[in-house]
PDB file of N, CA and C in Angstrom:
ATOM      1  N   MET A   1     -31.356  -7.008   1.118  1.00  0.00           N
ATOM      2  CA  MET A   1     -30.837  -6.133   2.146  1.00  0.00           C
ATOM      3  C   MET A   1     -31.715  -4.884   2.196  1.00  0.00           C
ATOM      4  N   GLU A   2     -32.178  -4.552   3.360  1.00  0.00           N
ATOM      5  CA  GLU A   2     -33.059  -3.402   3.518  1.00  0.00           C
ATOM      6  C   GLU A   2     -32.253  -2.126   3.719  1.00  0.00           C
ATOM      7  N   LEU A   3     -32.949  -1.009   3.566  1.00  0.00           N
ATOM      8  CA  LEU A   3     -32.313   0.297   3.716  1.00  0.00           C
ATOM      9  C   LEU A   3     -31.763   0.483   5.128  1.00  0.00           C
ATOM     10  N   SER A   4     -32.485  -0.007   6.133  1.00  0.00           N
ATOM     11  CA  SER A   4     -32.015   0.141   7.517  1.00  0.00           C
ATOM     12  C   SER A   4     -30.740  -0.675   7.757  1.00  0.00           C
ATOM     13  N   ASP A   5     -30.634  -1.835   7.094  1.00  0.00           N
ATOM     14  CA  ASP A   5     -29.418  -2.645   7.211  1.00  0.00           C
ATOM     15  C   ASP A   5     -28.219  -1.911   6.613  1.00  0.00           C
ATOM     16  N   ILE A   6     -28.442  -1.320   5.452  1.00  0.00           N
ATOM     17  CA  ILE A   6     -27.369  -0.578   4.786  1.00  0.00           C
ATOM     18  C   ILE A   6     -26.968   0.626   5.627  1.00  0.00           C
ATOM     19  N   SER A   7     -27.959   1.323   6.151  1.00  0.00           N
ATOM     20  CA  SER A   7     -27.705   2.500   6.983  1.00  0.00           C
ATOM     21  C   SER A   7     -26.897   2.116   8.226  1.00  0.00           C
ATOM     22  N   GLY A   8     -27.266   1.017   8.864  1.00  0.00           N
ATOM     23  CA  GLY A   8     -26.538   0.550  10.046  1.00  0.00           C
ATOM     24  C   GLY A   8     -25.107   0.165   9.717  1.00  0.00           C
ATOM     25  N   TYR A   9     -24.929  -0.480   8.572  1.00  0.00           N
ATOM     26  CA  TYR A   9     -23.590  -0.880   8.146  1.00  0.00           C
ATOM     27  C   TYR A   9     -22.709   0.346   7.896  1.00  0.00           C
ATOM     28  N   VAL A  10     -23.269   1.342   7.208  1.00  0.00           N
ATOM     29  CA  VAL A  10     -22.513   2.563   6.908  1.00  0.00           C
ATOM     30  C   VAL A  10     -22.155   3.292   8.199  1.00  0.00           C
ATOM     31  N   ARG A  11     -23.093   3.402   9.119  1.00  0.00           N
ATOM     32  CA  ARG A  11     -22.817   4.074  10.394  1.00  0.00           C
ATOM     33  C   ARG A  11     -21.730   3.351  11.179  1.00  0.00           C
ATOM     34  N   GLY A  12     -21.805   2.032  11.209  1.00  0.00           N
ATOM     35  CA  GLY A  12     -20.784   1.253  11.912  1.00  0.00           C
ATOM     36  C   GLY A  12     -19.404   1.441  11.300  1.00  0.00           C
ATOM     37  N   THR A  13     -19.359   1.453   9.974  1.00  0.00           N
ATOM     38  CA  THR A  13     -18.089   1.656   9.283  1.00  0.00           C
ATOM     39  C   THR A  13     -17.524   3.036   9.573  1.00  0.00           C
ATOM     40  N   LEU A  14     -18.373   4.050   9.534  1.00  0.00           N
ATOM     41  CA  LEU A  14     -17.922   5.413   9.818  1.00  0.00           C
ATOM     42  C   LEU A  14     -17.427   5.545  11.258  1.00  0.00           C
ATOM     43  N   LYS A  15     -18.094   4.891  12.206  1.00  0.00           N
ATOM     44  CA  LYS A  15     -17.650   4.905  13.608  1.00  0.00           C
ATOM     45  C   LYS A  15     -16.262   4.275  13.731  1.00  0.00           C
ATOM     46  N   SER A  16     -16.069   3.182  13.010  1.00  0.00           N
ATOM     47  CA  SER A  16     -14.779   2.501  13.040  1.00  0.00           C
ATOM     48  C   SER A  16     -13.682   3.408  12.484  1.00  0.00           C
ATOM     49  N   TRP A  17     -13.957   4.081  11.385  1.00  0.00           N
ATOM     50  CA  TRP A  17     -12.985   4.999  10.792  1.00  0.00           C
ATOM     51  C   TRP A  17     -12.687   6.148  11.748  1.00  0.00           C
ATOM     52  N   GLU A  18     -13.723   6.643  12.414  1.00  0.00           N
ATOM     53  CA  GLU A  18     -13.557   7.743  13.362  1.00  0.00           C
ATOM     54  C   GLU A  18     -12.618   7.325  14.499  1.00  0.00           C
ATOM     55  N   ARG A  19     -12.776   6.102  14.971  1.00  0.00           N
ATOM     56  CA  ARG A  19     -11.927   5.577  16.039  1.00  0.00           C
ATOM     57  C   ARG A  19     -10.463   5.529  15.600  1.00  0.00           C
ATOM     58  N   VAL A  20     -10.240   5.074  14.388  1.00  0.00           N
ATOM     59  CA  VAL A  20      -8.873   4.979  13.871  1.00  0.00           C
ATOM     60  C   VAL A  20      -8.249   6.365  13.747  1.00  0.00           C
ATOM     61  N   ILE A  21      -9.000   7.318  13.232  1.00  0.00           N
ATOM     62  CA  ILE A  21      -8.473   8.674  13.054  1.00  0.00           C
ATOM     63  C   ILE A  21      -8.172   9.323  14.401  1.00  0.00           C
ATOM     64  N   LYS A  22      -8.989   9.079  15.407  1.00  0.00           N
ATOM     65  CA  LYS A  22      -8.735   9.649  16.731  1.00  0.00           C
ATOM     66  C   LYS A  22      -7.460   9.074  17.351  1.00  0.00           C
ATOM     67  N   LEU A  23      -7.158   7.810  17.065  1.00  0.00           N
ATOM     68  CA  LEU A  23      -5.969   7.170  17.628  1.00  0.00           C
ATOM     69  C   LEU A  23      -4.693   7.519  16.866  1.00  0.00           C
ATOM     70  N   SER A  24      -4.838   7.937  15.627  1.00  0.00           N
ATOM     71  CA  SER A  24      -3.650   8.202  14.813  1.00  0.00           C
ATOM     72  C   SER A  24      -3.002   9.527  15.193  1.00  0.00           C
ATOM     73  N   ARG A  25      -1.721   9.629  14.872  1.00  0.00           N
ATOM     74  CA  ARG A  25      -0.993  10.859  15.151  1.00  0.00           C
ATOM     75  C   ARG A  25       0.008  11.089  14.028  1.00  0.00           C
ATOM     76  N   LYS A  26       0.494  12.303  13.947  1.00  0.00           N
ATOM     77  CA  LYS A  26       1.488  12.657  12.945  1.00  0.00           C
ATOM     78  C   LYS A  26       2.812  11.984  13.327  1.00  0.00           C
ATOM     79  N   PRO A  27       3.492  11.347  12.357  1.00  0.00           N
ATOM     80  CA  PRO A  27       4.755  10.685  12.702  1.00  0.00           C
ATOM     81  C   PRO A  27       5.845  11.700  13.047  1.00  0.00           C
ATOM     82  N   ARG A  28       6.711  11.297  13.946  1.00  0.00           N
ATOM     83  CA  ARG A  28       7.858  12.143  14.286  1.00  0.00           C
ATOM     84  C   ARG A  28       8.826  12.148  13.107  1.00  0.00           C
ATOM     85  N   ARG A  29       9.716  13.107  13.079  1.00  0.00           N
ATOM     86  CA  ARG A  29      10.643  13.255  11.948  1.00  0.00           C
ATOM     87  C   ARG A  29      11.453  11.976  11.716  1.00  0.00           C
ATOM     88  N   GLN A  30      11.955  11.381  12.797  1.00  0.00           N
ATOM     89  CA  GLN A  30      12.765  10.169  12.675  1.00  0.00           C
ATOM     90  C   GLN A  30      11.932   9.015  12.100  1.00  0.00           C
ATOM     91  N   GLU A  31      10.685   8.879  12.540  1.00  0.00           N
ATOM     92  CA  GLU A  31       9.800   7.839  12.006  1.00  0.00           C
ATOM     93  C   GLU A  31       9.528   8.076  10.525  1.00  0.00           C
ATOM     94  N   PHE A  32       9.290   9.333  10.166  1.00  0.00           N
ATOM     95  CA  PHE A  32       9.010   9.669   8.772  1.00  0.00           C
ATOM     96  C   PHE A  32      10.199   9.329   7.875  1.00  0.00           C
ATOM     97  N   ILE A  33      11.392   9.659   8.332  1.00  0.00           N
ATOM     98  CA  ILE A  33      12.598   9.363   7.549  1.00  0.00           C
ATOM     99  C   ILE A  33      12.772   7.856   7.383  1.00  0.00           C
ATOM    100  N   ALA A  34      12.542   7.096   8.452  1.00  0.00           N
ATOM    101  CA  ALA A  34      12.664   5.633   8.375  1.00  0.00           C
ATOM    102  C   ALA A  34      11.638   5.052   7.407  1.00  0.00           C
ATOM    103  N   ILE A  35      10.403   5.525   7.475  1.00  0.00           N
ATOM    104  CA  ILE A  35       9.350   5.040   6.574  1.00  0.00           C
ATOM    105  C   ILE A  35       9.700   5.372   5.128  1.00  0.00           C
ATOM    106  N   THR A  36      10.217   6.579   4.903  1.00  0.00           N
ATOM    107  CA  THR A  36      10.596   6.996   3.555  1.00  0.00           C
ATOM    108  C   THR A  36      11.720   6.125   3.004  1.00  0.00           C
ATOM    109  N   LYS A  37      12.708   5.810   3.833  1.00  0.00           N
ATOM    110  CA  LYS A  37      13.820   4.954   3.399  1.00  0.00           C
ATOM    111  C   LYS A  37      13.327   3.557   3.032  1.00  0.00           C
ATOM    112  N   VAL A  38      12.492   2.985   3.880  1.00  0.00           N
ATOM    113  CA  VAL A  38      11.988   1.629   3.632  1.00  0.00           C
ATOM    114  C   VAL A  38      11.136   1.602   2.369  1.00  0.00           C
ATOM    115  N   THR A  39      10.288   2.607   2.195  1.00  0.00           N
ATOM    116  CA  THR A  39       9.440   2.674   1.007  1.00  0.00           C
ATOM    117  C   THR A  39      10.282   2.836  -0.253  1.00  0.00           C
ATOM    118  N   GLY A  40      11.279   3.702  -0.192  1.00  0.00           N
ATOM    119  CA  GLY A  40      12.168   3.899  -1.338  1.00  0.00           C
ATOM    120  C   GLY A  40      12.930   2.635  -1.688  1.00  0.00           C
ATOM    121  N   LEU A  41      13.445   1.961  -0.678  1.00  0.00           N
ATOM    122  CA  LEU A  41      14.169   0.712  -0.904  1.00  0.00           C
ATOM    123  C   LEU A  41      13.253  -0.341  -1.530  1.00  0.00           C
ATOM    124  N   GLY A  42      12.033  -0.438  -1.024  1.00  0.00           N
ATOM    125  CA  GLY A  42      11.066  -1.381  -1.592  1.00  0.00           C
ATOM    126  C   GLY A  42      10.760  -1.072  -3.044  1.00  0.00           C
ATOM    127  N   THR A  43      10.617   0.203  -3.371  1.00  0.00           N
ATOM    128  CA  THR A  43      10.351   0.612  -4.754  1.00  0.00           C
ATOM    129  C   THR A  43      11.517   0.241  -5.659  1.00  0.00           C
ATOM    130  N   ILE A  44      12.728   0.472  -5.184  1.00  0.00           N
ATOM    131  CA  ILE A  44      13.916   0.128  -5.970  1.00  0.00           C
ATOM    132  C   ILE A  44      14.003  -1.380  -6.183  1.00  0.00           C
ATOM    133  N   ILE A  45      13.734  -2.166  -5.158  1.00  0.00           N
ATOM    134  CA  ILE A  45      13.796  -3.629  -5.272  1.00  0.00           C
ATOM    135  C   ILE A  45      12.763  -4.140  -6.270  1.00  0.00           C
ATOM    136  N   VAL A  46      11.532  -3.645  -6.170  1.00  0.00           N
ATOM    137  CA  VAL A  46      10.480  -4.086  -7.093  1.00  0.00           C
ATOM    138  C   VAL A  46      10.829  -3.671  -8.523  1.00  0.00           C
ATOM    139  N   GLY A  47      11.343  -2.466  -8.701  1.00  0.00           N
ATOM    140  CA  GLY A  47      11.747  -2.013 -10.030  1.00  0.00           C
ATOM    141  C   GLY A  47      12.866  -2.864 -10.607  1.00  0.00           C
ATOM    142  N   PHE A  48      13.848  -3.203  -9.781  1.00  0.00           N
ATOM    143  CA  PHE A  48      14.954  -4.047 -10.229  1.00  0.00           C
ATOM    144  C   PHE A  48      14.456  -5.438 -10.613  1.00  0.00           C
ATOM    145  N   MET A  49      13.524  -5.978  -9.827  1.00  0.00           N
ATOM    146  CA  MET A  49      12.964  -7.291 -10.153  1.00  0.00           C
ATOM    147  C   MET A  49      12.232  -7.240 -11.491  1.00  0.00           C
ATOM    148  N   GLY A  50      11.441  -6.192 -11.715  1.00  0.00           N
ATOM    149  CA  GLY A  50      10.733  -6.042 -12.987  1.00  0.00           C
ATOM    150  C   GLY A  50      11.695  -5.914 -14.151  1.00  0.00           C
ATOM    151  N   PHE A  51      12.752  -5.126 -13.969  1.00  0.00           N
ATOM    152  CA  PHE A  51      13.765  -4.959 -15.008  1.00  0.00           C
ATOM    153  C   PHE A  51      14.442  -6.287 -15.322  1.00  0.00           C
ATOM    154  N   THR A  52      14.796  -7.033 -14.277  1.00  0.00           N
ATOM    155  CA  THR A  52      15.461  -8.325 -14.459  1.00  0.00           C
ATOM    156  C   THR A  52      14.562  -9.304 -15.203  1.00  0.00           C
ATOM    157  N   ILE A  53      13.302  -9.375 -14.806  1.00  0.00           N
ATOM    158  CA  ILE A  53      12.359 -10.281 -15.475  1.00  0.00           C
ATOM    159  C   ILE A  53      12.204  -9.889 -16.941  1.00  0.00           C
ATOM    160  N   ARG A  54      12.107  -8.597 -17.215  1.00  0.00           N
ATOM    161  CA  ARG A  54      11.969  -8.139 -18.600  1.00  0.00           C
ATOM    162  C   ARG A  54      13.202  -8.524 -19.424  1.00  0.00           C
ATOM    163  N   MET A  55      14.390  -8.372 -18.865  1.00  0.00           N
ATOM    164  CA  MET A  55      15.613  -8.739 -19.582  1.00  0.00           C
ATOM    165  C   MET A  55      15.646 -10.239 -19.873  1.00  0.00           C
ATOM    166  N   ILE A  56      15.246 -11.046 -18.902  1.00  0.00           N
ATOM    167  CA  ILE A  56      15.224 -12.502 -19.093  1.00  0.00           C
ATOM    168  C   ILE A  56      14.242 -12.874 -20.196  1.00  0.00           C
ATOM    169  N   VAL A  57      13.058 -12.267 -20.178  1.00  0.00           N
ATOM    170  CA  VAL A  57      12.052 -12.558 -21.207  1.00  0.00           C
ATOM    171  C   VAL A  57      12.564 -12.144 -22.577  1.00  0.00           C
ATOM    172  N   GLN A  58      13.224 -10.996 -22.682  1.00  0.00           N
ATOM    173  CA  GLN A  58      13.767 -10.560 -23.969  1.00  0.00           C
ATOM    174  C   GLN A  58      14.840 -11.520 -24.469  1.00  0.00           C
ATOM    175  N   MET A  59      15.684 -12.016 -23.568  1.00  0.00           N
ATOM    176  CA  MET A  59      16.714 -12.972 -23.976  1.00  0.00           C
ATOM    177  C   MET A  59      16.088 -14.274 -24.455  1.00  0.00           C
ATOM    178  N   ILE A  60      15.063 -14.731 -23.761  1.00  0.00           N
ATOM    179  CA  ILE A  60      14.399 -15.984 -24.138  1.00  0.00           C
ATOM    180  C   ILE A  60      13.718 -15.843 -25.490  1.00  0.00           C
ATOM    181  N   THR A  61      13.055 -14.707 -25.736  1.00  0.00           N
ATOM    182  CA  THR A  61      12.349 -14.532 -27.015  1.00  0.00           C
ATOM    183  C   THR A  61      13.330 -14.376 -28.178  1.00  0.00           C
ATOM    184  N   ARG A  62      14.521 -13.864 -27.961  1.00  0.00           N
ATOM    185  CA  ARG A  62      15.525 -13.766 -29.029  1.00  0.00           C
ATOM    186  C   ARG A  62      16.088 -15.138 -29.373  1.00  0.00           C
ATOM    187  N   ILE A  63      16.239 -15.988 -28.358  1.00  0.00           N
ATOM    188  CA  ILE A  63      16.783 -17.332 -28.575  1.00  0.00           C
ATOM    189  C   ILE A  63      15.763 -18.203 -29.293  1.00  0.00           C
ATOM    190  N   ALA A  64      14.506 -18.105 -28.916  1.00  0.00           N
ATOM    191  CA  ALA A  64      13.459 -18.984 -29.452  1.00  0.00           C
ATOM    192  C   ALA A  64      13.077 -18.641 -30.835  1.00  0.00           C
TER     193      ALA A  64
END
């Protein structure tokens, strides 16, 4: 890969990022609250799953 190829790739990537940033906007309060609730719920679910798996593994290792 030549330097000009790398340079072109980097420029293209930066242009793409610039396009995304220009299209993005700050979320409204209601959107932010909804996103926060969904993220929090997802975190709680994943944590509960991890806790449950750990408890099952501990029970299995005590029996074996």
